[in-house]
PDB file of N, CA and C in Angstrom:
ATOM      1  N   LEU A   1       1.744  27.478 -22.690  1.00  0.00           N
ATOM      2  CA  LEU A   1       0.561  28.298 -22.812  1.00  0.00           C
ATOM      3  C   LEU A   1       0.724  29.520 -21.913  1.00  0.00           C
ATOM      4  N   PRO A   2       1.096  30.650 -22.447  1.00  0.00           N
ATOM      5  CA  PRO A   2       1.159  31.874 -21.650  1.00  0.00           C
ATOM      6  C   PRO A   2      -0.253  32.329 -21.288  1.00  0.00           C
ATOM      7  N   SER A   3      -0.421  32.807 -20.043  1.00  0.00           N
ATOM      8  CA  SER A   3      -1.751  33.238 -19.613  1.00  0.00           C
ATOM      9  C   SER A   3      -1.672  34.511 -18.787  1.00  0.00           C
ATOM     10  N   GLU A   4      -2.833  35.143 -18.616  1.00  0.00           N
ATOM     11  CA  GLU A   4      -2.994  36.297 -17.736  1.00  0.00           C
ATOM     12  C   GLU A   4      -4.032  35.914 -16.705  1.00  0.00           C
ATOM     13  N   GLY A   5      -3.901  36.461 -15.474  1.00  0.00           N
ATOM     14  CA  GLY A   5      -4.868  36.086 -14.463  1.00  0.00           C
ATOM     15  C   GLY A   5      -4.768  36.885 -13.185  1.00  0.00           C
ATOM     16  N   THR A   6      -5.544  36.445 -12.197  1.00  0.00           N
ATOM     17  CA  THR A   6      -5.661  37.092 -10.904  1.00  0.00           C
ATOM     18  C   THR A   6      -4.915  36.288  -9.847  1.00  0.00           C
ATOM     19  N   LYS A   7      -4.154  36.990  -9.001  1.00  0.00           N
ATOM     20  CA  LYS A   7      -3.450  36.369  -7.876  1.00  0.00           C
ATOM     21  C   LYS A   7      -4.225  36.709  -6.615  1.00  0.00           C
ATOM     22  N   TYR A   8      -4.687  35.676  -5.897  1.00  0.00           N
ATOM     23  CA  TYR A   8      -5.513  35.855  -4.706  1.00  0.00           C
ATOM     24  C   TYR A   8      -4.682  35.855  -3.433  1.00  0.00           C
ATOM     25  N   GLY A   9      -5.263  36.366  -2.357  1.00  0.00           N
ATOM     26  CA  GLY A   9      -4.598  36.432  -1.060  1.00  0.00           C
ATOM     27  C   GLY A   9      -4.237  35.074  -0.501  1.00  0.00           C
ATOM     28  N   CYS A  10      -4.936  34.029  -0.925  1.00  0.00           N
ATOM     29  CA  CYS A  10      -4.650  32.663  -0.475  1.00  0.00           C
ATOM     30  C   CYS A  10      -3.456  32.067  -1.217  1.00  0.00           C
ATOM     31  N   GLY A  11      -2.988  32.757  -2.270  1.00  0.00           N
ATOM     32  CA  GLY A  11      -1.837  32.287  -3.032  1.00  0.00           C
ATOM     33  C   GLY A  11      -2.186  31.648  -4.362  1.00  0.00           C
ATOM     34  N   HIS A  12      -3.475  31.378  -4.597  1.00  0.00           N
ATOM     35  CA  HIS A  12      -3.872  30.764  -5.857  1.00  0.00           C
ATOM     36  C   HIS A  12      -3.864  31.775  -6.996  1.00  0.00           C
ATOM     37  N   TYR A  13      -3.657  31.265  -8.198  1.00  0.00           N
ATOM     38  CA  TYR A  13      -3.663  32.055  -9.433  1.00  0.00           C
ATOM     39  C   TYR A  13      -4.799  31.524 -10.293  1.00  0.00           C
ATOM     40  N   GLN A  14      -5.674  32.400 -10.776  1.00  0.00           N
ATOM     41  CA  GLN A  14      -6.781  31.973 -11.628  1.00  0.00           C
ATOM     42  C   GLN A  14      -6.649  32.635 -12.987  1.00  0.00           C
ATOM     43  N   VAL A  15      -6.623  31.825 -14.032  1.00  0.00           N
ATOM     44  CA  VAL A  15      -6.482  32.312 -15.399  1.00  0.00           C
ATOM     45  C   VAL A  15      -7.741  33.074 -15.806  1.00  0.00           C
ATOM     46  N   THR A  16      -7.533  34.274 -16.359  1.00  0.00           N
ATOM     47  CA  THR A  16      -8.651  35.041 -16.902  1.00  0.00           C
ATOM     48  C   THR A  16      -8.571  35.117 -18.423  1.00  0.00           C
ATOM     49  N   ARG A  17      -7.352  34.891 -18.963  1.00  0.00           N
ATOM     50  CA  ARG A  17      -7.189  34.928 -20.418  1.00  0.00           C
ATOM     51  C   ARG A  17      -5.990  34.088 -20.822  1.00  0.00           C
ATOM     52  N   LYS A  18      -6.195  33.232 -21.817  1.00  0.00           N
ATOM     53  CA  LYS A  18      -5.096  32.454 -22.396  1.00  0.00           C
ATOM     54  C   LYS A  18      -4.573  33.259 -23.577  1.00  0.00           C
ATOM     55  N   VAL A  19      -3.294  33.630 -23.521  1.00  0.00           N
ATOM     56  CA  VAL A  19      -2.732  34.542 -24.509  1.00  0.00           C
ATOM     57  C   VAL A  19      -2.536  33.852 -25.855  1.00  0.00           C
ATOM     58  N   ARG A  20      -1.869  32.715 -25.855  1.00  0.00           N
ATOM     59  CA  ARG A  20      -1.674  31.955 -27.100  1.00  0.00           C
ATOM     60  C   ARG A  20      -1.216  30.544 -26.749  1.00  0.00           C
ATOM     61  N   LYS A  21      -1.351  29.649 -27.702  1.00  0.00           N
ATOM     62  CA  LYS A  21      -0.928  28.263 -27.515  1.00  0.00           C
ATOM     63  C   LYS A  21       0.413  28.066 -28.213  1.00  0.00           C
ATOM     64  N   ILE A  22       1.340  27.441 -27.524  1.00  0.00           N
ATOM     65  CA  ILE A  22       2.635  27.116 -28.114  1.00  0.00           C
ATOM     66  C   ILE A  22       2.668  25.607 -28.315  1.00  0.00           C
ATOM     67  N   ASP A  23       2.834  25.183 -29.551  1.00  0.00           N
ATOM     68  CA  ASP A  23       2.810  23.757 -29.884  1.00  0.00           C
ATOM     69  C   ASP A  23       4.069  23.063 -29.378  1.00  0.00           C
ATOM     70  N   CYS A  24       3.889  21.947 -28.662  1.00  0.00           N
ATOM     71  CA  CYS A  24       5.022  21.181 -28.135  1.00  0.00           C
ATOM     72  C   CYS A  24       5.640  20.290 -29.218  1.00  0.00           C
ATOM     73  N   ASN A  25       4.955  20.125 -30.343  1.00  0.00           N
ATOM     74  CA  ASN A  25       5.403  19.307 -31.473  1.00  0.00           C
ATOM     75  C   ASN A  25       5.612  17.844 -31.113  1.00  0.00           C
ATOM     76  N   SER A  26       4.822  17.351 -30.165  1.00  0.00           N
ATOM     77  CA  SER A  26       4.931  15.946 -29.775  1.00  0.00           C
ATOM     78  C   SER A  26       3.823  15.137 -30.452  1.00  0.00           C
ATOM     79  N   PRO A  27       4.172  14.031 -31.097  1.00  0.00           N
ATOM     80  CA  PRO A  27       3.151  13.189 -31.713  1.00  0.00           C
ATOM     81  C   PRO A  27       2.289  12.457 -30.677  1.00  0.00           C
ATOM     82  N   TYR A  28       2.700  12.500 -29.399  1.00  0.00           N
ATOM     83  CA  TYR A  28       1.958  11.826 -28.327  1.00  0.00           C
ATOM     84  C   TYR A  28       1.074  12.785 -27.535  1.00  0.00           C
ATOM     85  N   CYS A  29       0.930  14.016 -27.994  1.00  0.00           N
ATOM     86  CA  CYS A  29       0.101  15.030 -27.338  1.00  0.00           C
ATOM     87  C   CYS A  29      -1.103  15.333 -28.218  1.00  0.00           C
ATOM     88  N   THR A  30      -2.308  15.145 -27.683  1.00  0.00           N
ATOM     89  CA  THR A  30      -3.522  15.356 -28.494  1.00  0.00           C
ATOM     90  C   THR A  30      -3.701  16.815 -28.907  1.00  0.00           C
ATOM     91  N   HIS A  31      -3.016  17.760 -28.255  1.00  0.00           N
ATOM     92  CA  HIS A  31      -3.138  19.186 -28.580  1.00  0.00           C
ATOM     93  C   HIS A  31      -2.156  19.631 -29.656  1.00  0.00           C
ATOM     94  N   SER A  32      -1.197  18.776 -30.025  1.00  0.00           N
ATOM     95  CA  SER A  32      -0.169  19.137 -30.991  1.00  0.00           C
ATOM     96  C   SER A  32      -0.637  18.898 -32.422  1.00  0.00           C
ATOM     97  N   ILE A  33      -0.143  19.717 -33.315  1.00  0.00           N
ATOM     98  CA  ILE A  33      -0.443  19.538 -34.743  1.00  0.00           C
ATOM     99  C   ILE A  33       0.198  18.248 -35.266  1.00  0.00           C
ATOM    100  N   ARG A  34       1.218  17.738 -34.578  1.00  0.00           N
ATOM    101  CA  ARG A  34       1.892  16.504 -34.997  1.00  0.00           C
ATOM    102  C   ARG A  34       1.160  15.242 -34.559  1.00  0.00           C
ATOM    103  N   HIS A  35       0.118  15.367 -33.717  1.00  0.00           N
ATOM    104  CA  HIS A  35      -0.643  14.201 -33.271  1.00  0.00           C
ATOM    105  C   HIS A  35      -1.479  13.675 -34.437  1.00  0.00           C
ATOM    106  N   SER A  36      -1.447  12.393 -34.657  1.00  0.00           N
ATOM    107  CA  SER A  36      -2.164  11.783 -35.781  1.00  0.00           C
ATOM    108  C   SER A  36      -3.680  11.855 -35.577  1.00  0.00           C
ATOM    109  N   PRO A  37      -4.420  12.326 -36.573  1.00  0.00           N
ATOM    110  CA  PRO A  37      -5.876  12.344 -36.468  1.00  0.00           C
ATOM    111  C   PRO A  37      -6.467  10.929 -36.506  1.00  0.00           C
ATOM    112  N   ASN A  38      -5.664   9.955 -36.941  1.00  0.00           N
ATOM    113  CA  ASN A  38      -6.104   8.560 -37.038  1.00  0.00           C
ATOM    114  C   ASN A  38      -5.587   7.719 -35.872  1.00  0.00           C
ATOM    115  N   CYS A  39      -5.295   8.338 -34.749  1.00  0.00           N
ATOM    116  CA  CYS A  39      -4.761   7.637 -33.582  1.00  0.00           C
ATOM    117  C   CYS A  39      -5.878   6.787 -32.963  1.00  0.00           C
ATOM    118  N   LEU A  40      -5.805   5.456 -33.165  1.00  0.00           N
ATOM    119  CA  LEU A  40      -6.823   4.546 -32.672  1.00  0.00           C
ATOM    120  C   LEU A  40      -6.565   4.202 -31.210  1.00  0.00           C
ATOM    121  N   ASP A  41      -7.627   4.055 -30.433  1.00  0.00           N
ATOM    122  CA  ASP A  41      -7.524   3.720 -29.010  1.00  0.00           C
ATOM    123  C   ASP A  41      -6.482   4.617 -28.333  1.00  0.00           C
ATOM    124  N   CYS A  42      -6.675   5.904 -28.514  1.00  0.00           N
ATOM    125  CA  CYS A  42      -5.693   6.921 -28.129  1.00  0.00           C
ATOM    126  C   CYS A  42      -5.461   6.984 -26.615  1.00  0.00           C
ATOM    127  N   HIS A  43      -4.204   6.753 -26.216  1.00  0.00           N
ATOM    128  CA  HIS A  43      -3.783   6.890 -24.816  1.00  0.00           C
ATOM    129  C   HIS A  43      -2.758   8.011 -24.695  1.00  0.00           C
ATOM    130  N   CYS A  44      -2.798   8.927 -25.652  1.00  0.00           N
ATOM    131  CA  CYS A  44      -1.832  10.025 -25.674  1.00  0.00           C
ATOM    132  C   CYS A  44      -2.182  11.073 -24.610  1.00  0.00           C
ATOM    133  N   GLU A  45      -1.230  11.954 -24.353  1.00  0.00           N
ATOM    134  CA  GLU A  45      -1.389  13.009 -23.343  1.00  0.00           C
ATOM    135  C   GLU A  45      -2.567  13.909 -23.715  1.00  0.00           C
ATOM    136  N   ARG A  46      -3.511  14.078 -22.774  1.00  0.00           N
ATOM    137  CA  ARG A  46      -4.702  14.871 -23.020  1.00  0.00           C
ATOM    138  C   ARG A  46      -4.715  16.195 -22.259  1.00  0.00           C
ATOM    139  N   TYR A  47      -3.794  16.365 -21.335  1.00  0.00           N
ATOM    140  CA  TYR A  47      -3.817  17.544 -20.466  1.00  0.00           C
ATOM    141  C   TYR A  47      -2.612  18.435 -20.727  1.00  0.00           C
ATOM    142  N   LEU A  48      -2.839  19.726 -20.697  1.00  0.00           N
ATOM    143  CA  LEU A  48      -1.751  20.675 -20.862  1.00  0.00           C
ATOM    144  C   LEU A  48      -0.985  20.781 -19.544  1.00  0.00           C
ATOM    145  N   GLY A  49       0.299  21.004 -19.627  1.00  0.00           N
ATOM    146  CA  GLY A  49       1.124  21.166 -18.429  1.00  0.00           C
ATOM    147  C   GLY A  49       0.927  22.544 -17.825  1.00  0.00           C
ATOM    148  N   PRO A  50       1.788  22.907 -16.887  1.00  0.00           N
ATOM    149  CA  PRO A  50       1.661  24.231 -16.281  1.00  0.00           C
ATOM    150  C   PRO A  50       1.884  25.334 -17.327  1.00  0.00           C
ATOM    151  N   ASP A  51       1.324  26.492 -17.056  1.00  0.00           N
ATOM    152  CA  ASP A  51       1.472  27.612 -17.986  1.00  0.00           C
ATOM    153  C   ASP A  51       2.945  27.966 -18.154  1.00  0.00           C
ATOM    154  N   LEU A  52       3.320  28.282 -19.378  1.00  0.00           N
ATOM    155  CA  LEU A  52       4.697  28.677 -19.675  1.00  0.00           C
ATOM    156  C   LEU A  52       5.028  29.981 -18.961  1.00  0.00           C
ATOM    157  N   LYS A  53       4.063  30.903 -18.941  1.00  0.00           N
ATOM    158  CA  LYS A  53       4.256  32.194 -18.292  1.00  0.00           C
ATOM    159  C   LYS A  53       2.922  32.653 -17.731  1.00  0.00           C
ATOM    160  N   GLU A  54       2.913  33.078 -16.460  1.00  0.00           N
ATOM    161  CA  GLU A  54       1.703  33.587 -15.821  1.00  0.00           C
ATOM    162  C   GLU A  54       1.895  35.074 -15.538  1.00  0.00           C
ATOM    163  N   THR A  55       1.139  35.915 -16.260  1.00  0.00           N
ATOM    164  CA  THR A  55       1.205  37.358 -16.054  1.00  0.00           C
ATOM    165  C   THR A  55       0.061  37.755 -15.140  1.00  0.00           C
ATOM    166  N   ILE A  56       0.381  38.315 -13.974  1.00  0.00           N
ATOM    167  CA  ILE A  56      -0.645  38.727 -13.014  1.00  0.00           C
ATOM    168  C   ILE A  56      -1.173  40.095 -13.420  1.00  0.00           C
ATOM    169  N   THR A  57      -2.477  40.147 -13.735  1.00  0.00           N
ATOM    170  CA  THR A  57      -3.106  41.408 -14.142  1.00  0.00           C
ATOM    171  C   THR A  57      -3.874  42.055 -12.999  1.00  0.00           C
ATOM    172  N   LEU A  58      -4.153  41.290 -11.942  1.00  0.00           N
ATOM    173  CA  LEU A  58      -4.857  41.808 -10.772  1.00  0.00           C
ATOM    174  C   LEU A  58      -4.404  41.043  -9.541  1.00  0.00           C
ATOM    175  N   THR A  59      -4.080  41.758  -8.470  1.00  0.00           N
ATOM    176  CA  THR A  59      -3.744  41.142  -7.190  1.00  0.00           C
ATOM    177  C   THR A  59      -4.780  41.593  -6.175  1.00  0.00           C
ATOM    178  N   THR A  60      -5.331  40.633  -5.423  1.00  0.00           N
ATOM    179  CA  THR A  60      -6.351  40.952  -4.437  1.00  0.00           C
ATOM    180  C   THR A  60      -6.047  40.250  -3.118  1.00  0.00           C
ATOM    181  N   THR A  61      -6.483  40.839  -2.023  1.00  0.00           N
ATOM    182  CA  THR A  61      -6.302  40.202  -0.718  1.00  0.00           C
ATOM    183  C   THR A  61      -7.412  39.198  -0.434  1.00  0.00           C
ATOM    184  N   ASN A  62      -8.470  39.207  -1.242  1.00  0.00           N
ATOM    185  CA  ASN A  62      -9.566  38.238  -1.097  1.00  0.00           C
ATOM    186  C   ASN A  62      -9.064  36.836  -1.412  1.00  0.00           C
ATOM    187  N   TYR A  63      -9.739  35.833  -0.844  1.00  0.00           N
ATOM    188  CA  TYR A  63      -9.437  34.446  -1.160  1.00  0.00           C
ATOM    189  C   TYR A  63     -10.191  34.041  -2.428  1.00  0.00           C
ATOM    190  N   CYS A  64      -9.686  33.032  -3.144  1.00  0.00           N
ATOM    191  CA  CYS A  64     -10.403  32.496  -4.306  1.00  0.00           C
ATOM    192  C   CYS A  64     -11.685  31.819  -3.809  1.00  0.00           C
ATOM    193  N   ALA A  65     -12.575  31.468  -4.706  1.00  0.00           N
ATOM    194  CA  ALA A  65     -13.877  30.902  -4.328  1.00  0.00           C
ATOM    195  C   ALA A  65     -13.737  29.620  -3.497  1.00  0.00           C
ATOM    196  N   SER A  66     -12.816  28.751  -3.847  1.00  0.00           N
ATOM    197  CA  SER A  66     -12.639  27.499  -3.103  1.00  0.00           C
ATOM    198  C   SER A  66     -12.137  27.754  -1.692  1.00  0.00           C
ATOM    199  N   CYS A  67     -11.138  28.587  -1.551  1.00  0.00           N
ATOM    200  CA  CYS A  67     -10.564  28.869  -0.232  1.00  0.00           C
ATOM    201  C   CYS A  67     -11.507  29.705   0.625  1.00  0.00           C
ATOM    202  N   GLN A  68     -12.280  30.570  -0.002  1.00  0.00           N
ATOM    203  CA  GLN A  68     -13.232  31.410   0.737  1.00  0.00           C
ATOM    204  C   GLN A  68     -14.178  30.528   1.551  1.00  0.00           C
ATOM    205  N   TYR A  69     -14.693  29.485   0.939  1.00  0.00           N
ATOM    206  CA  TYR A  69     -15.618  28.572   1.619  1.00  0.00           C
ATOM    207  C   TYR A  69     -14.936  27.899   2.809  1.00  0.00           C
ATOM    208  N   TRP A  70     -13.731  27.350   2.593  1.00  0.00           N
ATOM    209  CA  TRP A  70     -13.074  26.539   3.622  1.00  0.00           C
ATOM    210  C   TRP A  70     -12.406  27.353   4.724  1.00  0.00           C
ATOM    211  N   PHE A  71     -11.978  28.573   4.434  1.00  0.00           N
ATOM    212  CA  PHE A  71     -11.236  29.339   5.434  1.00  0.00           C
ATOM    213  C   PHE A  71     -12.017  30.505   6.034  1.00  0.00           C
ATOM    214  N   LYS A  72     -13.011  31.027   5.293  1.00  0.00           N
ATOM    215  CA  LYS A  72     -13.739  32.181   5.801  1.00  0.00           C
ATOM    216  C   LYS A  72     -15.252  31.984   5.768  1.00  0.00           C
ATOM    217  N   GLY A  73     -15.713  30.933   5.107  1.00  0.00           N
ATOM    218  CA  GLY A  73     -17.151  30.704   4.955  1.00  0.00           C
ATOM    219  C   GLY A  73     -17.666  29.600   5.859  1.00  0.00           C
ATOM    220  N   PRO A  74     -18.779  28.945   5.447  1.00  0.00           N
ATOM    221  CA  PRO A  74     -19.412  27.921   6.269  1.00  0.00           C
ATOM    222  C   PRO A  74     -18.561  26.682   6.509  1.00  0.00           C
ATOM    223  N   GLY A  75     -17.552  26.435   5.685  1.00  0.00           N
ATOM    224  CA  GLY A  75     -16.708  25.252   5.874  1.00  0.00           C
ATOM    225  C   GLY A  75     -15.569  25.480   6.860  1.00  0.00           C
ATOM    226  N   ALA A  76     -15.396  26.721   7.325  1.00  0.00           N
ATOM    227  CA  ALA A  76     -14.293  27.052   8.228  1.00  0.00           C
ATOM    228  C   ALA A  76     -14.523  26.490   9.627  1.00  0.00           C
ATOM    229  N   GLN A  77     -13.428  26.124  10.277  1.00  0.00           N
ATOM    230  CA  GLN A  77     -13.521  25.682  11.674  1.00  0.00           C
ATOM    231  C   GLN A  77     -13.475  26.937  12.546  1.00  0.00           C
ATOM    232  N   HIS A  78     -14.482  27.098  13.373  1.00  0.00           N
ATOM    233  CA  HIS A  78     -14.542  28.271  14.236  1.00  0.00           C
ATOM    234  C   HIS A  78     -14.022  27.900  15.623  1.00  0.00           C
ATOM    235  N   ILE A  79     -13.066  28.663  16.090  1.00  0.00           N
ATOM    236  CA  ILE A  79     -12.465  28.429  17.401  1.00  0.00           C
ATOM    237  C   ILE A  79     -13.401  28.994  18.475  1.00  0.00           C
ATOM    238  N   ARG A  80     -13.681  28.190  19.475  1.00  0.00           N
ATOM    239  CA  ARG A  80     -14.607  28.635  20.542  1.00  0.00           C
ATOM    240  C   ARG A  80     -13.874  29.333  21.634  1.00  0.00           C
TER     241      ARG A  80
END
């Protein structure tokens, strides 16, 4: 799954747009066209793996929302 997104100062990458889906052609992947629609008691793979390609469309020195709280917000440890 190629994607476009923002690279934050904390190092995290956040997807802003999924460019297209590339089919893995696995019958054990619920996202594949080869997966059986009649798969009973399905224990097949439900999650997509890492993005095939991550294109950074914006780079910022700000932290992502999760890191902002823990490192710069109320969750941060303040040195006395």
